[in-house]
Each structure stands twice: as structure tokens, then as C-alpha cells.
């Protein structure tokens, strides 16, 4: 942590000019972000409704008039926007993408069900055919997240996107919070200052000034327009933490308390009341038998459909691999499966036949590449790859044959990474949770950080996925997987 000079510390305490945001500017940020998201939702909802009516008419071989289809769409879209507002999606700062998709889905389906119910009793007022209804629901659930993803991609890095957050506590937990929020700036929570009683912590961390002690919080909140606070002091005594919450939470509209759960590695918990006492329930959702049955049904259904659709494409890729370099078309590698079993994962060959010899030679002669491989267990510019192999890796097409592993039951479409047996010793206890479920063709870390995440971070992400699993999370990952493939951001 970079130390603050006395002059810098005094300047922050007295004026806070570098980080000050006026109430007017903060209000403008929220309004602007809300208007952008409302415009995106309005556009893609209108597009969904319009296209669904066109598809309905084409399916029923009816003639259609564009003006008639457009006439009622703005009125029909209004209840969706109002519902999304009630679910906190405008401006939606602090709402992660999975929770956002869940809120969008619930809101969308609820309104469509409402419209369908109204159409049954008031056909003169609104008439929605079942076919148009089905098209509308499917298109809306696909296009709405796309629109919001585009908005966050375009505006997420802008200085005005988001609201200021104060982090109370600058220890390991506080530093993790700051890094996470800066890494995921599209969420819209911008850490602008951290407070800690420990003088040794004062300075800068990731560009965020760390000052103290906690008794300056009232003065800072008066100077700065900060509505959100994150109390990240899990190691202090429960009595002291209670004092901090009671004394300082009143200065903020929203206060998030991070409990002492970091030892469990991205643990997912939910609040639960037991006899009037609030507790935190540890979740292991994917380990439930009902979850396994649900995922297996989805794996078989989608696996068969995708296999049939991809068969011509797989044949074309196999032909090009054979023409591009010497060696077999498919590459089989031993991986760890559920309950520490072993299976042969099948992929398209992307490397030269002497890849291992090349790797050892590179790691022996290049210290930087050796350090990179130790952290990520892969190389960003891997000289072992063939010409066509680089293309397959870029678009993750080398993993298509794993559909066979999914149908066999070795893997799932979505799940933790399929780790190699020699990596088990480096998993540092995470394997106890990760190996309780099937590995996946795609997963949470693949569609978020990919190459930027270390081996330890991937383990943490896999554990988080297992504890936090839901159908919405799988749908989100599946959706993001297609975006990653089409954008060419493969491994």
C-alpha cells in the first residue's frame, strides 16, 4: 500500500475535493443511467413484441401491416418499465448481472401472464394469440439482457457511471472488496475512500485513499454524497462490530456488512430466522439430488439438440485440422470427474504433436513464461498451438467434441472446470467441494475473467458456483458462453 504524505492526508481531510460529488451530480448520474437503461429496455421490448407479431402472422400465413403492429406497442411496453422500476433495475447500481437477469425474467413473465389473463376477459381491449405470446416471451428474455449488456459495455468504464461507496475497514477483507468493485465496475458501485483506525493502513490502495479513524465518517458523509457503505471488518470482536454498525449505519441509506466468511472461499449464504434470532444458512445448492436430476435432464435435452445442430460444423473442423497439421483430429486427456473419478475428456487437437516437449523447453528457457504458467496454468501466447488451433482456441471451438462427454454423463454443459489429476494438489482443499459435482463444458469463470483469473481465483469461482447454483445462473452462463464464442474471447 502506497503511503500518504501528511500534506495529502490533510488535504483529503479538509476539503475532499478530489473525491467530492455534489448532490446535483449524483442525481444526474442516476437519472442519466436510468434513462439509458429505460431506452434500452423500451427498444428491445418493442423489438420483441414487433417481431413476435410478424412471426405470428408469417406462421399463420396472414398478411400484416407494419403500422398496425406499431400502434399499440408503446402502451404495451409501459407496464414492463414500471415493473422493472419497482424491482430496483433503474439505475440498478449494485445489482449483479445474475440478479438482474432474474428480476428481468420474473418481471417480464409476470407482465406477459397479466396481459394474457386480461386478453381472456377483455378481447375487445387486448387480443394476444398464444403464438404471439410465446414468441414475445422468448424474444424478450433473450433481447433484454443483450441490450443491458451492451449498455454496460459502452458506459461501464465512464467516470459518471455508478455511485460512490465508502469502505469501512482496510484490512484484507476491505482490500478484497475494493479490488472486486474496481474489477466489476459495470455494477456501478465505485469505492472512492476507505476508513480504518489502523494508522499503518493509511495511504492508497488501488488508487483509493485510505484514511482514518472511523470518527471522521460523520464529517465525510456531510462533505461527500455517499449513500452506500460496506463495513468490512470481520475480524473485530462482535461487540465492536455491533458498535460500529449501530453508530455509523445511520449515516448511509444502504449499509452492507461483510461477515467473517472469507475462510470458506466465496461462500454463499442466505439469512434465516430461527425463533426470532437471525442466522446465516450455508448453501450447497448444486449438491442437492434435485439439482443433479434437473441438470441431467437439461444436459441430455440440450446436448442432443446441440449435437445434431453442430454435426456438420464438427465434420468441417475435423477436415481442416487434418489438412492443417500432422496428428490425430481429436485429443483425449484424463480429467477428474465427480467423486474424484477419472474420465477422458475429448477435444479437437489444437497443438503440435510434440507439444509437451515444446512446453518444457519454453518453461526451462523463459522465466517470465514459467512464472505465467505457474499462476494461470496456461500461456497467453502459446507457441505450442497450430495455425488453425489458435483460431479454434480463440472461439472456444476446440471444446465442441465435449458434447459427447456430456451425453455420456462424464460432464455437464455448465459446471466447474474439468481439472487435471496433477492439479489436485494445488487446489488446497477446494477439491472437496468441486469434485462433488460434474465438471462443465463451460462455467462461471470461463465467461467472466477467463485468462485474467489465477488458478486460485478459478477455484474460488467454482466453489461459489456450486454453492450459489440456480437455473437462472446456468441460463446466464449459457447465454454468456455464446457471447464469448461469437466475440472470440476464448482461452
Protein backbone atom coordinates (compact mmCIF):
# COMPACT_ATOMS: atom_id res chain seq x y z
CA UNK A 1 0.00 0.00 0.00
CA UNK A 2 1.37 3.41 -1.00
CA UNK A 3 1.75 5.75 1.97
CA UNK A 4 0.01 9.11 2.17
CA UNK A 5 2.11 12.15 2.88
CA UNK A 6 0.98 14.41 5.72
CA UNK A 7 0.11 17.08 3.15
CA UNK A 8 -2.08 14.70 1.13
CA UNK A 9 -3.82 13.40 4.23
CA UNK A 10 -4.55 16.93 5.43
CA UNK A 11 -5.90 17.89 2.03
CA UNK A 12 -8.30 14.92 1.94
CA UNK A 13 -9.50 15.55 5.47
CA UNK A 14 -10.05 19.27 4.99
CA UNK A 15 -11.52 19.54 1.51
CA UNK A 16 -12.12 16.08 -0.02
CA UNK A 17 -12.11 17.90 -3.37
CA UNK A 18 -10.64 15.02 -5.33
CA UNK A 19 -13.49 12.69 -4.49
CA UNK A 20 -16.35 15.04 -3.76
CA UNK A 21 -19.58 14.56 -5.73
CA UNK A 22 -22.35 17.10 -5.36
CA UNK A 23 -25.92 16.05 -4.75
CA UNK A 24 -26.85 17.51 -8.12
CA UNK A 25 -24.19 15.49 -9.92
CA UNK A 26 -25.18 12.31 -8.10
CA UNK A 27 -28.83 12.84 -9.01
CA UNK A 28 -27.82 13.48 -12.62
CA UNK A 29 -25.82 10.23 -12.69
CA UNK A 30 -28.81 8.21 -11.53
CA UNK A 31 -31.22 9.91 -13.92
CA UNK A 32 -28.89 9.57 -16.89
CA UNK A 33 -28.15 5.89 -16.21
CA UNK A 34 -31.87 5.21 -15.66
CA UNK A 35 -32.83 6.92 -18.92
CA UNK A 36 -30.22 4.94 -20.84
CA UNK A 37 -31.41 1.63 -19.37
CA UNK A 38 -35.09 2.57 -19.87
CA UNK A 39 -34.34 3.41 -23.52
CA UNK A 40 -32.56 0.09 -23.97
CA UNK A 41 -35.40 -1.88 -22.35
CA UNK A 42 -38.03 0.06 -24.32
CA UNK A 43 -36.19 -0.53 -27.59
CA UNK A 44 -35.65 -4.27 -27.13
CA UNK A 45 -39.09 -4.90 -25.65
CA UNK A 46 -40.66 -3.09 -28.60
CA UNK A 47 -38.49 -5.08 -30.98
CA UNK A 48 -39.51 -8.33 -29.25
CA UNK A 49 -43.23 -7.51 -29.47
CA UNK A 50 -42.98 -6.31 -33.06
CA UNK A 51 -41.00 -9.33 -34.29
CA UNK A 52 -43.30 -11.73 -32.42
CA UNK A 53 -46.34 -10.28 -34.22
CA UNK A 54 -44.58 -10.57 -37.58
CA UNK A 55 -43.59 -14.17 -36.84
CA UNK A 56 -47.14 -14.92 -35.73
CA UNK A 57 -48.54 -13.57 -38.98
CA UNK A 58 -45.98 -15.46 -41.05
CA UNK A 59 -46.73 -18.71 -39.19
CA UNK A 60 -50.47 -18.28 -39.75
CA UNK A 61 -49.89 -17.10 -43.36
CA UNK A 62 -51.66 -13.83 -42.62
CA UNK A 63 -50.93 -10.51 -44.26
CA UNK A 64 -49.55 -7.94 -41.84
CA UNK A 65 -49.48 -4.17 -41.71
CA UNK A 66 -46.46 -2.56 -40.02
CA UNK A 67 -48.41 0.50 -38.86
CA UNK A 68 -50.99 -1.63 -37.05
CA UNK A 69 -48.28 -3.61 -35.27
CA UNK A 70 -46.52 -0.44 -34.11
CA UNK A 71 -49.65 1.33 -32.90
CA UNK A 72 -50.13 -0.38 -29.53
CA UNK A 73 -46.52 -1.36 -28.72
CA UNK A 74 -45.60 1.76 -26.66
CA UNK A 75 -48.68 1.25 -24.47
CA UNK A 76 -47.90 -2.46 -24.03
CA UNK A 77 -44.27 -1.76 -23.05
CA UNK A 78 -45.16 0.73 -20.28
CA UNK A 79 -46.11 -1.83 -17.57
CA UNK A 80 -42.81 -3.64 -18.16
CA UNK A 81 -40.82 -0.47 -17.49
CA UNK A 82 -42.86 0.27 -14.36
CA UNK A 83 -42.36 -3.28 -13.06
CA UNK A 84 -38.61 -3.12 -13.66
CA UNK A 85 -38.52 0.16 -11.74
CA UNK A 86 -40.28 -1.44 -8.77
CA UNK A 87 -37.69 -4.25 -8.83
CA UNK A 88 -34.88 -1.72 -8.49
CA UNK A 89 -33.49 -2.04 -12.02
CA UNK A 90 -33.29 1.73 -12.61
CA UNK A 91 -30.50 2.68 -12.34
CA UNK A 92 -29.73 -0.74 -10.86
CA UNK A 93 -26.36 0.20 -9.36
CA UNK A 94 -25.18 -2.56 -7.07
CA UNK A 95 -27.29 -5.26 -8.75
CA UNK A 96 -25.13 -8.04 -10.20
CA UNK A 97 -25.91 -9.44 -13.64
CA UNK A 98 -27.36 -12.72 -12.38
CA UNK A 99 -29.77 -10.98 -10.01
CA UNK A 100 -30.60 -8.51 -12.78
CA UNK A 101 -31.49 -11.33 -15.18
CA UNK A 102 -33.62 -12.96 -12.51
CA UNK A 103 -35.52 -9.70 -11.91
CA UNK A 104 -35.92 -9.10 -15.64
CA UNK A 105 -37.22 -12.64 -16.13
CA UNK A 106 -39.69 -12.54 -13.24
CA UNK A 107 -40.93 -9.10 -14.24
CA UNK A 108 -41.26 -10.00 -17.92
CA UNK A 109 -43.07 -13.28 -17.33
CA UNK A 110 -45.38 -11.70 -14.73
CA UNK A 111 -46.46 -8.91 -17.11
CA UNK A 112 -46.97 -11.29 -20.03
CA UNK A 113 -49.09 -13.54 -17.83
CA UNK A 114 -51.07 -10.47 -16.78
CA UNK A 115 -51.59 -9.42 -20.38
CA UNK A 116 -52.62 -12.95 -21.33
CA UNK A 117 -55.13 -13.03 -18.46
CA UNK A 118 -56.58 -9.67 -19.48
CA UNK A 119 -56.90 -10.86 -23.07
CA UNK A 120 -59.07 -13.77 -21.92
CA UNK A 121 -61.65 -11.47 -20.31
CA UNK A 122 -61.28 -8.37 -22.46
CA UNK A 123 -60.65 -9.48 -26.01
CA UNK A 124 -62.06 -6.23 -27.36
CA UNK A 125 -59.41 -4.31 -25.39
CA UNK A 126 -56.41 -6.57 -25.97
CA UNK A 127 -56.08 -9.70 -28.06
CA UNK A 128 -52.87 -11.73 -27.80
CA UNK A 129 -52.66 -15.03 -29.61
CA UNK A 130 -50.88 -17.86 -27.85
CA UNK A 131 -48.30 -17.99 -30.63
CA UNK A 132 -47.50 -14.28 -30.38
CA UNK A 133 -47.36 -14.60 -26.60
CA UNK A 134 -44.80 -17.43 -26.83
CA UNK A 135 -42.64 -15.56 -29.34
CA UNK A 136 -42.75 -12.40 -27.20
CA UNK A 137 -41.67 -14.13 -24.00
CA UNK A 138 -38.75 -15.95 -25.65
CA UNK A 139 -37.52 -12.90 -27.57
CA UNK A 140 -37.82 -10.61 -24.56
CA UNK A 141 -35.85 -12.93 -22.29
CA UNK A 142 -33.10 -13.05 -24.92
CA UNK A 143 -33.00 -9.43 -26.12
CA UNK A 144 -33.43 -7.57 -22.80
CA UNK A 145 -30.17 -8.92 -21.29
CA UNK A 146 -28.38 -8.28 -24.59
CA UNK A 147 -29.47 -4.65 -24.52
CA UNK A 148 -28.33 -4.17 -20.93
CA UNK A 149 -25.03 -5.94 -21.62
CA UNK A 150 -24.40 -3.50 -24.49
CA UNK A 151 -25.22 -0.55 -22.22
CA UNK A 152 -22.79 -1.70 -19.55
CA UNK A 153 -20.13 -2.45 -22.16
CA UNK A 154 -20.42 1.05 -23.60
CA UNK A 155 -20.89 3.05 -20.40
CA UNK A 156 -19.45 0.85 -17.63
CA UNK A 157 -16.00 2.47 -17.77
CA UNK A 158 -17.29 6.04 -17.83
CA UNK A 159 -16.45 8.11 -14.76
CA UNK A 160 -20.09 9.12 -14.29
CA UNK A 161 -21.40 5.55 -14.37
CA UNK A 162 -22.10 4.46 -10.82
CA UNK A 163 -22.39 5.86 -7.34
CA UNK A 164 -19.74 6.39 -4.64
CA UNK A 165 -19.15 3.79 -1.95
CA UNK A 166 -17.21 4.11 1.29
CA UNK A 167 -15.42 1.01 2.59
CA UNK A 168 -15.16 0.88 6.37
CA UNK A 169 -12.17 -1.31 7.13
CA UNK A 170 -9.00 -1.50 5.03
CA UNK A 171 -7.66 -4.91 6.07
CA UNK A 172 -7.55 -7.97 3.81
CA UNK A 173 -11.33 -8.04 3.53
CA UNK A 174 -11.58 -4.33 2.70
CA UNK A 175 -8.85 -4.65 0.09
CA UNK A 176 -10.69 -7.61 -1.47
CA UNK A 177 -13.88 -5.53 -1.64
CA UNK A 178 -12.08 -2.63 -3.32
CA UNK A 179 -10.41 -4.91 -5.87
CA UNK A 180 -13.67 -6.67 -6.63
CA UNK A 181 -15.67 -3.47 -7.13
CA UNK A 182 -12.97 -1.95 -9.33
CA UNK A 183 -12.73 -5.14 -11.35
CA UNK A 184 -16.52 -5.27 -11.82
CA UNK A 185 -17.12 -1.57 -12.40
CA UNK A 186 -20.21 -2.28 -14.52
CA UNK A 187 -22.05 -2.99 -11.28
CA UNK A 188 -21.85 0.73 -10.59
CA UNK A 189 -20.50 0.77 -7.03
CA UNK A 190 -17.38 2.95 -7.06
CA UNK A 191 -15.17 2.79 -3.96
CA UNK A 192 -13.87 6.35 -3.51
CA UNK A 193 -12.49 6.19 0.02
CA UNK A 194 -11.72 3.69 2.76
CA UNK A 195 -11.67 4.29 6.51
CA UNK A 196 -9.61 2.44 9.09
CA UNK A 197 -8.50 3.08 12.66
CA UNK A 198 -5.13 1.46 11.99
CA UNK A 199 -2.60 4.21 11.08
CA UNK A 200 -0.45 1.63 9.27
CA UNK A 201 -3.26 1.14 6.76
CA UNK A 202 -3.43 4.82 5.79
CA UNK A 203 -2.28 5.54 2.26
CA UNK A 204 -3.58 4.49 -1.15
CA UNK A 205 -4.84 1.11 -2.25
CA UNK A 206 -5.64 0.66 -5.96
CA UNK A 207 -5.92 4.45 -6.19
CA UNK A 208 -8.42 4.64 -3.31
CA UNK A 209 -7.32 6.85 -0.38
CA UNK A 210 -7.33 5.08 2.99
CA UNK A 211 -7.67 7.44 5.94
CA UNK A 212 -8.93 7.36 9.49
CA UNK A 213 -10.04 6.92 12.10
CA UNK A 214 -13.68 5.94 12.00
CA UNK A 215 -14.74 9.07 13.87
CA UNK A 216 -14.29 11.15 10.69
CA UNK A 217 -17.19 9.29 9.00
CA UNK A 218 -19.83 11.91 10.00
CA UNK A 219 -17.70 14.71 8.54
CA UNK A 220 -17.00 12.78 5.34
CA UNK A 221 -20.64 11.88 4.75
CA UNK A 222 -21.54 15.54 5.20
CA UNK A 223 -18.96 16.58 2.60
CA UNK A 224 -19.49 13.67 0.20
CA UNK A 225 -22.73 12.37 -1.23
CA UNK A 226 -22.24 8.74 -0.19
CA UNK A 227 -25.34 6.58 0.13
CA UNK A 228 -23.65 3.17 0.23
CA UNK A 229 -21.26 1.88 2.87
CA UNK A 230 -19.59 -1.50 3.13
CA UNK A 231 -18.42 -2.50 6.60
CA UNK A 232 -15.54 -4.89 6.00
CA UNK A 233 -14.16 -5.56 9.48
CA UNK A 234 -14.97 -9.24 10.09
CA UNK A 235 -12.02 -9.85 12.40
CA UNK A 236 -13.04 -7.35 15.10
CA UNK A 237 -14.98 -8.62 18.08
CA UNK A 238 -18.75 -8.99 17.73
CA UNK A 239 -19.22 -6.29 20.38
CA UNK A 240 -17.05 -3.82 18.46
CA UNK A 241 -18.72 -4.67 15.14
CA UNK A 242 -22.13 -4.11 16.72
CA UNK A 243 -20.94 -0.71 17.98
CA UNK A 244 -19.69 0.26 14.51
CA UNK A 245 -22.96 -0.78 12.82
CA UNK A 246 -25.10 0.97 15.41
CA UNK A 247 -23.04 4.16 15.38
CA UNK A 248 -22.37 4.66 11.67
CA UNK A 249 -25.07 2.87 9.65
CA UNK A 250 -27.49 5.77 10.20
CA UNK A 251 -25.28 7.98 8.03
CA UNK A 252 -26.00 5.87 4.92
CA UNK A 253 -29.09 4.77 3.03
CA UNK A 254 -27.58 1.35 2.36
CA UNK A 255 -25.11 -0.48 4.60
CA UNK A 256 -23.67 -3.86 3.70
CA UNK A 257 -21.88 -5.81 6.43
CA UNK A 258 -19.33 -8.40 5.34
CA UNK A 259 -19.26 -11.23 7.92
CA UNK A 260 -16.26 -13.39 8.74
CA UNK A 261 -16.88 -15.91 6.00
CA UNK A 262 -13.88 -15.44 3.75
CA UNK A 263 -12.24 -18.58 5.07
CA UNK A 264 -14.99 -20.54 3.31
CA UNK A 265 -13.94 -19.12 -0.07
CA UNK A 266 -16.74 -17.21 -1.74
CA UNK A 267 -19.33 -18.80 0.50
CA UNK A 268 -22.94 -18.22 -0.46
CA UNK A 269 -25.27 -17.81 2.46
CA UNK A 270 -28.85 -16.73 2.98
CA UNK A 271 -30.45 -15.16 6.01
CA UNK A 272 -32.80 -17.33 8.05
CA UNK A 273 -34.73 -16.57 11.23
CA UNK A 274 -34.78 -19.21 13.95
CA UNK A 275 -37.00 -18.38 16.92
CA UNK A 276 -36.53 -14.67 16.44
CA UNK A 277 -32.74 -15.00 16.03
CA UNK A 278 -31.17 -14.09 12.69
CA UNK A 279 -28.79 -16.68 11.30
CA UNK A 280 -26.89 -17.32 8.08
CA UNK A 281 -27.66 -20.58 6.31
CA UNK A 282 -24.80 -22.18 4.39
CA UNK A 283 -25.87 -23.09 0.86
CA UNK A 284 -24.66 -26.03 -1.24
CA UNK A 285 -27.39 -25.87 -3.86
CA UNK A 286 -25.82 -27.89 -6.65
CA UNK A 287 -25.09 -30.85 -4.36
CA UNK A 288 -28.80 -31.44 -3.77
CA UNK A 289 -30.18 -34.51 -5.56
CA UNK A 290 -32.98 -32.46 -7.12
CA UNK A 291 -30.39 -30.16 -8.71
CA UNK A 292 -28.47 -33.12 -10.14
CA UNK A 293 -31.66 -34.56 -11.69
CA UNK A 294 -32.63 -31.19 -13.16
CA UNK A 295 -29.17 -30.61 -14.65
CA UNK A 296 -29.02 -34.12 -16.11
CA UNK A 297 -32.38 -33.65 -17.84
CA UNK A 298 -31.21 -30.33 -19.31
CA UNK A 299 -27.83 -31.82 -20.32
CA UNK A 300 -29.45 -34.65 -22.25
CA UNK A 301 -32.08 -32.47 -23.91
CA UNK A 302 -29.81 -29.60 -24.92
CA UNK A 303 -26.89 -31.96 -25.57
CA UNK A 304 -28.85 -33.91 -28.20
CA UNK A 305 -30.15 -30.73 -29.85
CA UNK A 306 -26.71 -29.07 -29.95
CA UNK A 307 -25.02 -32.25 -31.18
CA UNK A 308 -27.40 -32.51 -34.14
CA UNK A 309 -27.05 -28.82 -34.99
CA UNK A 310 -23.25 -28.86 -34.68
CA UNK A 311 -22.60 -32.14 -36.54
CA UNK A 312 -21.89 -30.56 -39.98
CA UNK A 313 -19.71 -27.94 -38.32
CA UNK A 314 -17.79 -30.59 -36.36
CA UNK A 315 -17.15 -32.52 -39.59
CA UNK A 316 -15.82 -29.36 -41.29
CA UNK A 317 -13.48 -28.56 -38.39
CA UNK A 318 -12.17 -32.13 -38.33
CA UNK A 319 -11.33 -31.91 -42.04
CA UNK A 320 -9.43 -28.62 -41.66
CA UNK A 321 -7.44 -29.96 -38.68
CA UNK A 322 -6.36 -32.97 -40.76
CA UNK A 323 -5.21 -30.70 -43.59
CA UNK A 324 -3.53 -28.11 -41.34
CA UNK A 325 -1.04 -30.24 -39.39
CA UNK A 326 0.14 -33.76 -38.65
CA UNK A 327 -1.53 -35.75 -35.93
CA UNK A 328 -4.93 -37.00 -34.86
CA UNK A 329 -8.09 -34.92 -35.17
CA UNK A 330 -9.19 -35.46 -31.58
CA UNK A 331 -7.22 -35.02 -28.39
CA UNK A 332 -8.12 -37.04 -25.30
CA UNK A 333 -6.90 -36.04 -21.88
CA UNK A 334 -7.52 -37.50 -18.43
CA UNK A 335 -9.54 -35.22 -16.16
CA UNK A 336 -11.07 -35.50 -12.70
CA UNK A 337 -14.81 -36.13 -12.63
CA UNK A 338 -17.47 -36.37 -9.97
CA UNK A 339 -16.39 -38.08 -6.72
CA UNK A 340 -12.74 -37.90 -7.83
CA UNK A 341 -13.37 -40.31 -10.72
CA UNK A 342 -11.31 -40.19 -13.93
CA UNK A 343 -12.54 -39.83 -17.49
CA UNK A 344 -11.11 -38.99 -20.90
CA UNK A 345 -12.18 -35.52 -21.97
CA UNK A 346 -12.30 -35.18 -25.74
CA UNK A 347 -11.38 -32.01 -27.61
CA UNK A 348 -10.24 -31.04 -31.08
CA UNK A 349 -6.46 -31.14 -31.30
CA UNK A 350 -5.10 -27.59 -31.30
CA UNK A 351 -1.41 -28.28 -30.62
CA UNK A 352 1.51 -29.82 -32.45
CA UNK A 353 2.22 -33.49 -31.78
CA UNK A 354 5.38 -32.58 -29.80
CA UNK A 355 3.56 -30.00 -27.66
CA UNK A 356 4.81 -31.28 -24.29
CA UNK A 357 8.45 -31.20 -25.39
CA UNK A 358 7.95 -27.64 -26.63
CA UNK A 359 6.33 -26.63 -23.34
CA UNK A 360 9.15 -27.99 -21.20
CA UNK A 361 11.73 -26.32 -23.40
CA UNK A 362 9.88 -22.96 -23.17
CA UNK A 363 9.43 -23.15 -19.40
CA UNK A 364 13.08 -24.07 -18.92
CA UNK A 365 14.43 -21.20 -21.02
CA UNK A 366 11.97 -18.38 -20.29
CA UNK A 367 11.49 -17.36 -16.65
CA UNK A 368 8.63 -14.95 -17.41
CA UNK A 369 6.61 -17.58 -19.25
CA UNK A 370 7.39 -20.07 -16.48
CA UNK A 371 6.01 -17.61 -13.89
CA UNK A 372 2.91 -17.03 -16.05
CA UNK A 373 2.30 -20.77 -16.36
CA UNK A 374 2.68 -21.25 -12.60
CA UNK A 375 -0.07 -18.68 -11.91
CA UNK A 376 -2.55 -19.38 -14.73
CA UNK A 377 -1.60 -22.97 -15.78
CA UNK A 378 -1.66 -21.73 -19.38
CA UNK A 379 0.19 -19.31 -21.67
CA UNK A 380 -1.49 -16.29 -23.26
CA UNK A 381 0.62 -16.63 -26.42
CA UNK A 382 1.20 -20.36 -26.55
CA UNK A 383 3.79 -21.38 -29.21
CA UNK A 384 2.58 -24.99 -29.00
CA UNK A 385 -0.60 -24.13 -30.91
CA UNK A 386 -1.05 -24.89 -34.60
CA UNK A 387 -2.25 -22.21 -37.01
CA UNK A 388 -5.81 -23.50 -37.04
CA UNK A 389 -5.52 -24.38 -33.36
CA UNK A 390 -5.16 -20.69 -32.49
CA UNK A 391 -8.47 -19.98 -34.24
CA UNK A 392 -10.20 -22.87 -32.50
CA UNK A 393 -8.94 -21.68 -29.10
CA UNK A 394 -9.89 -18.07 -29.81
CA UNK A 395 -13.51 -19.03 -30.43
CA UNK A 396 -13.52 -21.99 -27.98
CA UNK A 397 -14.48 -24.32 -30.84
CA UNK A 398 -11.96 -26.93 -29.72
CA UNK A 399 -14.40 -27.84 -26.94
CA UNK A 400 -17.31 -28.86 -29.20
CA UNK A 401 -16.48 -32.62 -29.01
CA UNK A 402 -17.11 -32.43 -25.26
CA UNK A 403 -20.80 -32.70 -26.14
CA UNK A 404 -20.05 -36.44 -26.29
CA UNK A 405 -18.75 -36.31 -22.71
CA UNK A 406 -21.97 -34.52 -21.70
CA UNK A 407 -24.20 -37.14 -23.31
CA UNK A 408 -22.15 -39.94 -21.71
CA UNK A 409 -22.62 -38.35 -18.30
CA UNK A 410 -18.96 -37.53 -17.61
CA UNK A 411 -19.60 -33.80 -17.82
CA UNK A 412 -22.37 -31.23 -17.69
CA UNK A 413 -22.98 -28.36 -20.09
CA UNK A 414 -22.39 -25.90 -17.22
CA UNK A 415 -20.25 -26.65 -14.19
CA UNK A 416 -16.85 -26.21 -12.55
CA UNK A 417 -13.69 -26.53 -14.60
CA UNK A 418 -12.60 -30.06 -15.52
CA UNK A 419 -9.31 -30.21 -13.61
CA UNK A 420 -6.37 -32.46 -14.45
CA UNK A 421 -5.33 -35.02 -11.80
CA UNK A 422 -1.94 -33.36 -11.18
CA UNK A 423 -3.74 -30.08 -10.34
CA UNK A 424 -5.48 -31.64 -7.36
CA UNK A 425 -2.59 -30.94 -5.01
CA UNK A 426 -2.75 -27.24 -5.93
CA UNK A 427 -6.47 -26.92 -5.20
CA UNK A 428 -5.72 -26.53 -1.49
CA UNK A 429 -8.85 -28.14 -0.12
CA UNK A 430 -11.24 -26.73 -2.74
CA UNK A 431 -11.36 -30.16 -4.39
CA UNK A 432 -13.55 -31.44 -1.55
CA UNK A 433 -16.39 -29.24 -2.83
CA UNK A 434 -15.57 -29.07 -6.55
CA UNK A 435 -15.31 -32.84 -7.05
CA UNK A 436 -18.77 -33.42 -5.60
CA UNK A 437 -20.35 -32.34 -8.91
CA UNK A 438 -19.72 -32.97 -12.59
CA UNK A 439 -17.33 -30.61 -14.40
CA UNK A 440 -18.78 -28.47 -17.17
CA UNK A 441 -18.04 -27.62 -20.79
CA UNK A 442 -18.46 -24.01 -19.73
CA UNK A 443 -18.61 -22.36 -16.34
CA UNK A 444 -18.75 -19.15 -14.40
CA UNK A 445 -15.07 -18.29 -14.54
CA UNK A 446 -14.90 -19.01 -18.28
CA UNK A 447 -17.49 -16.34 -19.06
CA UNK A 448 -16.22 -13.74 -16.61
CA UNK A 449 -12.44 -13.43 -16.14
CA UNK A 450 -11.12 -16.23 -18.35
CA UNK A 451 -7.36 -15.65 -18.87
CA UNK A 452 -7.25 -12.85 -16.32
CA UNK A 453 -8.07 -15.12 -13.37
CA UNK A 454 -5.44 -17.06 -11.45
CA UNK A 455 -5.75 -20.74 -10.57
CA UNK A 456 -6.79 -19.85 -7.01
CA UNK A 457 -9.46 -17.42 -8.29
CA UNK A 458 -10.87 -20.11 -10.58
CA UNK A 459 -11.16 -22.47 -7.62
CA UNK A 460 -12.99 -19.81 -5.62
CA UNK A 461 -15.33 -19.11 -8.54
CA UNK A 462 -16.12 -22.81 -8.95
CA UNK A 463 -16.95 -23.14 -5.25
CA UNK A 464 -19.13 -20.05 -5.47
CA UNK A 465 -20.99 -21.57 -8.44
CA UNK A 466 -21.66 -24.83 -6.58
CA UNK A 467 -22.99 -23.06 -3.51
CA UNK A 468 -24.97 -20.47 -5.47
CA UNK A 469 -26.30 -22.67 -8.29
CA UNK A 470 -29.69 -21.93 -9.80
CA UNK A 471 -31.34 -22.40 -13.16
CA UNK A 472 -31.06 -18.64 -13.66
CA UNK A 473 -27.31 -18.82 -13.09
CA UNK A 474 -26.97 -21.65 -15.63
CA UNK A 475 -29.08 -19.74 -18.16
CA UNK A 476 -26.90 -16.67 -17.58
CA UNK A 477 -23.68 -18.67 -18.06
CA UNK A 478 -25.05 -20.40 -21.16
CA UNK A 479 -26.07 -17.05 -22.62
CA UNK A 480 -22.67 -15.52 -21.83
CA UNK A 481 -20.93 -18.57 -23.32
CA UNK A 482 -22.49 -17.89 -26.71
CA UNK A 483 -21.41 -14.23 -26.45
CA UNK A 484 -17.84 -15.26 -25.59
CA UNK A 485 -17.72 -17.70 -28.51
CA UNK A 486 -19.06 -15.18 -31.03
CA UNK A 487 -16.82 -12.38 -29.73
CA UNK A 488 -13.72 -14.54 -29.98
CA UNK A 489 -12.66 -14.13 -26.35
CA UNK A 490 -11.73 -17.75 -25.83
CA UNK A 491 -8.99 -19.20 -23.70
